[in-house]
Amino acid sequence: MSTALNLAGDPAAEALLNRAKEEMQGLSAVPNLVVVRIGDDPASVSYTRMKTRRAKKVGLNSSLIELPTTTSEAEMLELIKKLNLDNAVSGILVQLPFPKGSEPDEKRILEAIDPAKDVDGLHVVNVGRLWAGEPGLRPCTPAGVISMLDFYGIDLAGKRVVIVNRSQLVGKPLAALMLERNATVTIAHSRTADMKAVTLEADVLVTAVGRVNFITPEMVKSGAVVIDVSINRITDLNGEAKLVGDCHPDVVNVASALTPVPGGVGPMTVSHLLYNTVQACKQQLATRAKLLQPE
């Protein structure tokens, strides 16, 4: 048995952030990310603080707007409108999911964000651009997976890719990005018949199910690259809380490469958010400069 190559996220994320820093050089304005959070869920608080802290480390301006759970949809939409019109704001990120019982509708709020400032890449306009093969802001986790594969020199052209997830956040956009790299893509989900037979076809297997030990060694083709996107909280035999993915620990003995959980895809998601903010700023500055040019 061989142990899989550890696809650690930190080195790949650092490389992407360095690329973002290089692309900031010469810009007439510092990219500015605004994160909006409703409520004080501990996980969301930790995640948003990490995003703003990492942004400042890279040299971006970043601020956090904290709103009470009683915030109405009208108030939220008014805030988004204000941020859309503010030329000092390059990117807008609304932290999801909203707390249970809060009024705003997630879909309506996301669609209210200016697509040019949608650094999460979830607006329907950016989704359409992705599937049309046009330039645009890409969803952070799927784009992070592609950047990680690039960093480790894993070529997707001609490979059979199986993605066990069909969500708008991971599965669907990742399938589009894989197709751009000339992979042959299958999306599997809860209604897929004979899941094992499907996953065994994969040269590259991506799982984002949210179930501990869902992917067993018997479901993985020998030598496959396995990308575990999920983060599941469990309590071990010693009563200590820990984070694990979808893969059984023994998958490491079958795969040729495997992302750790934590420390795999997670850092890539945050880094791509900041990279998107730089891209958004560059495009906005170019658009404004073009508008100021005489006819």
Protein backbone atom coordinates (compact mmCIF):
# COMPACT_ATOMS: atom_id res chain seq x y z
CA MET A 1 0.00 0.00 0.00
CA SER A 2 1.16 3.51 -0.75
CA THR A 3 0.24 6.69 1.08
CA ALA A 4 -1.36 9.43 -1.00
CA LEU A 5 0.32 12.74 -1.68
CA ASN A 6 -0.98 15.29 0.84
CA LEU A 7 -2.64 18.12 -1.10
CA ALA A 8 -2.16 20.71 1.63
CA GLY A 9 -4.09 23.90 1.02
CA ASP A 10 -1.77 26.41 2.68
CA PRO A 11 1.08 26.37 0.12
CA ALA A 12 -1.37 26.58 -2.78
CA ALA A 13 -3.34 29.34 -1.04
CA GLU A 14 -0.15 31.31 -0.37
CA ALA A 15 0.80 31.07 -4.05
CA LEU A 16 -2.61 32.41 -5.06
CA LEU A 17 -2.35 35.29 -2.58
CA ASN A 18 1.09 36.18 -3.93
CA ARG A 19 -0.46 36.27 -7.39
CA ALA A 20 -3.16 38.61 -6.07
CA LYS A 21 -0.49 40.89 -4.55
CA GLU A 22 1.33 41.05 -7.89
CA GLU A 23 -1.87 41.99 -9.71
CA MET A 24 -2.51 44.78 -7.19
CA GLN A 25 0.70 46.52 -8.23
CA GLY A 26 0.01 49.63 -10.26
CA LEU A 27 -3.68 49.85 -9.41
CA SER A 28 -4.88 53.40 -8.76
CA ALA A 29 -6.95 52.21 -5.78
CA VAL A 30 -6.59 49.57 -3.07
CA PRO A 31 -9.17 46.78 -3.46
CA ASN A 32 -11.78 47.03 -0.72
CA LEU A 33 -13.81 44.06 0.53
CA VAL A 34 -16.95 44.58 2.62
CA VAL A 35 -18.29 41.55 4.51
CA VAL A 36 -21.87 41.65 5.81
CA ARG A 37 -22.97 39.29 8.57
CA ILE A 38 -26.36 38.88 10.24
CA GLY A 39 -26.33 37.57 13.81
CA ASP A 40 -23.51 36.21 15.95
CA ASP A 41 -23.31 32.50 15.16
CA PRO A 42 -19.87 31.45 16.50
CA ALA A 43 -18.85 29.69 13.29
CA SER A 44 -19.85 32.67 11.15
CA VAL A 45 -18.13 35.10 13.52
CA SER A 46 -14.90 33.10 13.33
CA TYR A 47 -15.09 32.73 9.56
CA THR A 48 -15.80 36.39 8.80
CA ARG A 49 -13.05 37.57 11.14
CA MET A 50 -10.62 35.24 9.41
CA LYS A 51 -11.60 36.65 6.02
CA THR A 52 -11.13 40.27 7.05
CA ARG A 53 -7.87 39.48 8.88
CA ARG A 54 -6.45 37.60 5.89
CA ALA A 55 -7.50 40.45 3.57
CA LYS A 56 -5.54 43.00 5.57
CA LYS A 57 -2.52 40.69 5.60
CA VAL A 58 -2.54 40.67 1.80
CA GLY A 59 -2.85 44.46 1.68
CA LEU A 60 -6.52 44.77 0.82
CA ASN A 61 -8.83 47.11 2.67
CA SER A 62 -11.51 45.14 4.47
CA SER A 63 -14.38 45.90 6.81
CA LEU A 64 -17.10 43.91 8.53
CA ILE A 65 -20.70 45.12 8.87
CA GLU A 66 -22.41 43.25 11.71
CA LEU A 67 -26.21 43.31 11.74
CA PRO A 68 -28.70 42.03 14.34
CA THR A 69 -30.90 39.03 13.59
CA THR A 70 -33.87 41.43 13.62
CA THR A 71 -32.61 43.13 10.42
CA SER A 72 -35.45 43.29 7.91
CA GLU A 73 -35.15 42.39 4.24
CA ALA A 74 -35.85 46.02 3.29
CA GLU A 75 -33.00 47.20 5.51
CA MET A 76 -30.67 44.60 4.03
CA LEU A 77 -31.59 45.54 0.47
CA GLU A 78 -31.04 49.22 1.26
CA LEU A 79 -27.56 48.42 2.60
CA ILE A 80 -26.69 46.39 -0.51
CA LYS A 81 -27.90 49.25 -2.71
CA LYS A 82 -25.65 51.68 -0.83
CA LEU A 83 -22.62 49.39 -1.19
CA ASN A 84 -23.34 48.86 -4.89
CA LEU A 85 -23.24 52.62 -5.50
CA ASP A 86 -20.08 53.22 -3.43
CA ASN A 87 -17.09 53.37 -5.80
CA ALA A 88 -14.77 52.74 -2.85
CA VAL A 89 -16.24 49.24 -2.43
CA SER A 90 -14.69 46.63 -4.76
CA GLY A 91 -16.36 43.50 -3.42
CA ILE A 92 -19.41 42.61 -1.35
CA LEU A 93 -19.68 39.34 0.52
CA VAL A 94 -22.84 38.43 2.42
CA GLN A 95 -22.08 35.66 4.91
CA LEU A 96 -24.39 32.67 4.48
CA PRO A 97 -26.41 30.98 5.76
CA PHE A 98 -28.53 33.54 7.58
CA PRO A 99 -29.57 32.61 11.13
CA LYS A 100 -32.83 30.70 11.50
CA GLY A 101 -35.71 33.08 12.04
CA SER A 102 -34.10 36.02 10.25
CA GLU A 103 -36.32 37.79 7.72
CA PRO A 104 -34.18 38.38 4.59
CA ASP A 105 -34.44 35.88 1.75
CA GLU A 106 -30.95 34.68 0.77
CA LYS A 107 -31.73 34.45 -2.95
CA ARG A 108 -33.17 37.96 -3.15
CA ILE A 109 -30.23 39.42 -1.22
CA LEU A 110 -27.63 37.69 -3.39
CA GLU A 111 -29.35 38.83 -6.59
CA ALA A 112 -29.41 42.42 -5.31
CA ILE A 113 -25.59 42.55 -5.29
CA ASP A 114 -24.01 44.22 -8.32
CA PRO A 115 -22.56 41.30 -10.37
CA ALA A 116 -19.35 43.31 -10.76
CA LYS A 117 -18.96 43.28 -6.95
CA ASP A 118 -20.20 39.72 -6.39
CA VAL A 119 -16.87 38.30 -5.15
CA ASP A 120 -18.60 35.07 -4.07
CA GLY A 121 -19.47 34.43 -7.72
CA LEU A 122 -23.04 33.40 -6.90
CA HIS A 123 -25.08 36.03 -8.74
CA VAL A 124 -27.11 34.57 -11.61
CA VAL A 125 -25.22 36.81 -14.07
CA ASN A 126 -21.86 35.39 -12.98
CA VAL A 127 -23.28 31.87 -13.03
CA GLY A 128 -24.42 32.46 -16.61
CA ARG A 129 -21.02 33.83 -17.60
CA LEU A 130 -19.35 30.76 -16.15
CA TRP A 131 -21.48 28.34 -18.17
CA ALA A 132 -21.17 30.50 -21.30
CA GLY A 133 -17.38 30.41 -20.98
CA GLU A 134 -17.18 34.18 -20.59
CA PRO A 135 -14.94 36.08 -18.14
CA GLY A 136 -16.46 36.74 -14.73
CA LEU A 137 -16.12 36.22 -11.00
CA ARG A 138 -16.05 32.49 -10.17
CA PRO A 139 -17.43 30.81 -7.02
CA CYS A 140 -14.63 30.64 -4.47
CA THR A 141 -14.62 26.97 -3.44
CA PRO A 142 -14.81 25.49 -6.96
CA ALA A 143 -12.23 27.97 -8.25
CA GLY A 144 -10.07 27.12 -5.24
CA VAL A 145 -10.19 23.43 -6.14
CA ILE A 146 -8.99 24.22 -9.67
CA SER A 147 -6.18 26.44 -8.36
CA MET A 148 -5.09 23.68 -5.98
CA LEU A 149 -4.95 21.12 -8.80
CA ASP A 150 -2.93 23.59 -10.89
CA PHE A 151 -0.51 24.21 -8.02
CA TYR A 152 0.20 20.50 -7.63
CA GLY A 153 0.52 19.97 -11.38
CA ILE A 154 -2.55 17.73 -11.73
CA ASP A 155 -3.74 17.95 -15.34
CA LEU A 156 -7.48 17.49 -15.91
CA ALA A 157 -7.48 17.18 -19.70
CA GLY A 158 -8.97 13.87 -20.72
CA LYS A 159 -9.51 12.75 -17.13
CA ARG A 160 -12.75 11.27 -15.85
CA VAL A 161 -14.01 13.46 -13.01
CA VAL A 162 -16.81 12.47 -10.64
CA ILE A 163 -18.28 15.15 -8.37
CA VAL A 164 -20.51 13.87 -5.57
CA ASN A 165 -22.51 17.06 -5.11
CA ARG A 166 -24.98 18.99 -7.28
CA SER A 167 -25.30 22.24 -5.30
CA GLN A 168 -25.00 25.76 -6.70
CA LEU A 169 -22.09 26.35 -4.31
CA VAL A 170 -19.87 23.42 -5.27
CA GLY A 171 -21.04 20.73 -7.67
CA LYS A 172 -22.53 22.67 -10.58
CA PRO A 173 -19.91 25.43 -10.86
CA LEU A 174 -17.07 22.95 -10.34
CA ALA A 175 -18.43 20.83 -13.18
CA ALA A 176 -18.32 23.88 -15.47
CA LEU A 177 -14.75 24.68 -14.44
CA MET A 178 -13.69 21.06 -14.96
CA LEU A 179 -15.26 21.09 -18.43
CA GLU A 180 -13.23 24.21 -19.24
CA ARG A 181 -10.14 22.10 -18.50
CA ASN A 182 -11.34 19.40 -20.93
CA ALA A 183 -12.27 16.81 -18.30
CA THR A 184 -15.12 14.34 -18.79
CA VAL A 185 -17.46 15.16 -15.90
CA THR A 186 -20.12 13.16 -14.07
CA ILE A 187 -22.20 14.65 -11.25
CA ALA A 188 -23.45 12.13 -8.69
CA HIS A 189 -26.04 12.85 -6.00
CA SER A 190 -28.52 11.31 -3.56
CA ARG A 191 -30.57 9.74 -6.39
CA THR A 192 -27.58 8.21 -8.17
CA ALA A 193 -27.94 4.46 -8.60
CA ASP A 194 -24.94 2.30 -7.61
CA MET A 195 -22.79 5.14 -6.28
CA LYS A 196 -19.78 2.85 -5.89
CA ALA A 197 -19.79 1.92 -9.58
CA VAL A 198 -19.86 5.61 -10.50
CA THR A 199 -17.09 6.74 -8.13
CA LEU A 200 -14.84 3.86 -9.20
CA GLU A 201 -14.72 5.38 -12.69
CA ALA A 202 -13.13 8.58 -11.40
CA ASP A 203 -9.55 9.59 -12.09
CA VAL A 204 -10.42 12.63 -9.99
CA LEU A 205 -13.08 12.21 -7.30
CA VAL A 206 -14.57 15.24 -5.55
CA THR A 207 -16.85 14.75 -2.55
CA ALA A 208 -18.93 17.39 -0.78
CA VAL A 209 -21.65 15.31 0.86
CA GLY A 210 -21.24 16.26 4.52
CA ARG A 211 -21.28 12.67 5.81
CA VAL A 212 -18.45 11.16 7.83
CA ASN A 213 -16.82 8.09 6.19
CA PHE A 214 -19.17 8.35 3.20
CA ILE A 215 -16.33 7.64 0.74
CA THR A 216 -14.73 4.31 1.65
CA PRO A 217 -11.55 2.82 0.11
CA GLU A 218 -13.67 0.39 -1.89
CA MET A 219 -15.31 3.33 -3.68
CA VAL A 220 -12.02 4.82 -4.90
CA LYS A 221 -10.16 3.78 -8.03
CA SER A 222 -6.53 2.89 -7.32
CA GLY A 223 -4.37 5.95 -7.95
CA ALA A 224 -7.26 8.42 -8.13
CA VAL A 225 -6.92 12.00 -6.96
CA VAL A 226 -9.47 12.65 -4.19
CA ILE A 227 -10.66 16.16 -3.25
CA ASP A 228 -12.61 16.21 0.02
CA VAL A 229 -14.52 19.50 0.28
CA SER A 230 -16.64 18.66 3.34
CA ILE A 231 -16.00 19.74 6.92
CA ASN A 232 -17.84 17.65 9.51
CA ARG A 233 -17.62 18.15 13.28
CA ILE A 234 -17.38 14.95 15.32
CA THR A 235 -16.44 13.93 18.85
CA ASP A 236 -13.67 11.33 19.00
CA LEU A 237 -13.32 8.43 21.46
CA ASN A 238 -11.58 10.76 23.92
CA GLY A 239 -14.54 13.14 23.92
CA GLU A 240 -12.64 15.78 21.97
CA ALA A 241 -14.19 17.68 19.08
CA LYS A 242 -12.45 17.39 15.72
CA LEU A 243 -13.04 18.19 12.06
CA VAL A 244 -13.14 15.48 9.40
CA GLY A 245 -14.26 15.21 5.79
CA ASP A 246 -16.32 12.66 3.88
CA CYS A 247 -13.47 10.20 3.34
CA HIS A 248 -12.69 7.18 5.48
CA PRO A 249 -9.11 7.46 6.82
CA ASP A 250 -8.03 4.40 4.79
CA VAL A 251 -8.72 6.21 1.49
CA VAL A 252 -5.16 7.52 1.88
CA ASN A 253 -3.92 4.01 1.04
CA VAL A 254 -5.79 3.86 -2.29
CA ALA A 255 -5.62 7.40 -3.69
CA SER A 256 -2.52 8.87 -5.32
CA ALA A 257 -3.32 12.29 -3.82
CA LEU A 258 -5.78 13.44 -1.15
CA THR A 259 -6.77 16.75 0.44
CA PRO A 260 -6.59 16.84 4.24
CA VAL A 261 -9.51 18.00 6.38
CA PRO A 262 -9.00 20.53 7.81
CA GLY A 263 -6.28 22.33 5.89
CA GLY A 264 -7.14 21.30 2.34
CA VAL A 265 -9.80 23.12 0.33
CA GLY A 266 -10.67 25.56 3.15
CA PRO A 267 -7.64 27.86 2.75
CA MET A 268 -8.20 27.90 -1.00
CA THR A 269 -11.77 29.19 -0.59
CA VAL A 270 -10.64 32.22 1.44
CA SER A 271 -7.71 32.96 -0.88
CA HIS A 272 -9.95 32.90 -3.94
CA LEU A 273 -12.34 35.33 -2.26
CA LEU A 274 -9.46 37.80 -1.91
CA TYR A 275 -8.23 37.07 -5.44
CA ASN A 276 -11.75 37.77 -6.72
CA THR A 277 -11.75 41.08 -4.85
CA VAL A 278 -8.58 42.13 -6.66
CA GLN A 279 -10.07 41.04 -10.02
CA ALA A 280 -13.28 42.95 -9.29
CA CYS A 281 -11.32 46.10 -8.42
CA LYS A 282 -9.24 45.87 -11.61
CA GLN A 283 -12.33 45.49 -13.77
CA GLN A 284 -14.20 48.34 -12.06
CA LEU A 285 -11.24 50.70 -12.47
CA ALA A 286 -10.94 49.74 -16.14
CA THR A 287 -14.67 50.29 -16.71
CA ARG A 288 -14.60 53.73 -15.04
CA ALA A 289 -11.50 54.75 -17.02
CA LYS A 290 -13.20 53.76 -20.27
CA LEU A 291 -16.27 55.83 -19.40
CA LEU A 292 -14.07 58.89 -18.83
CA GLN A 293 -12.38 58.61 -22.22
CA PRO A 294 -13.52 61.19 -24.79
CA GLU A 295 -15.49 59.85 -27.74
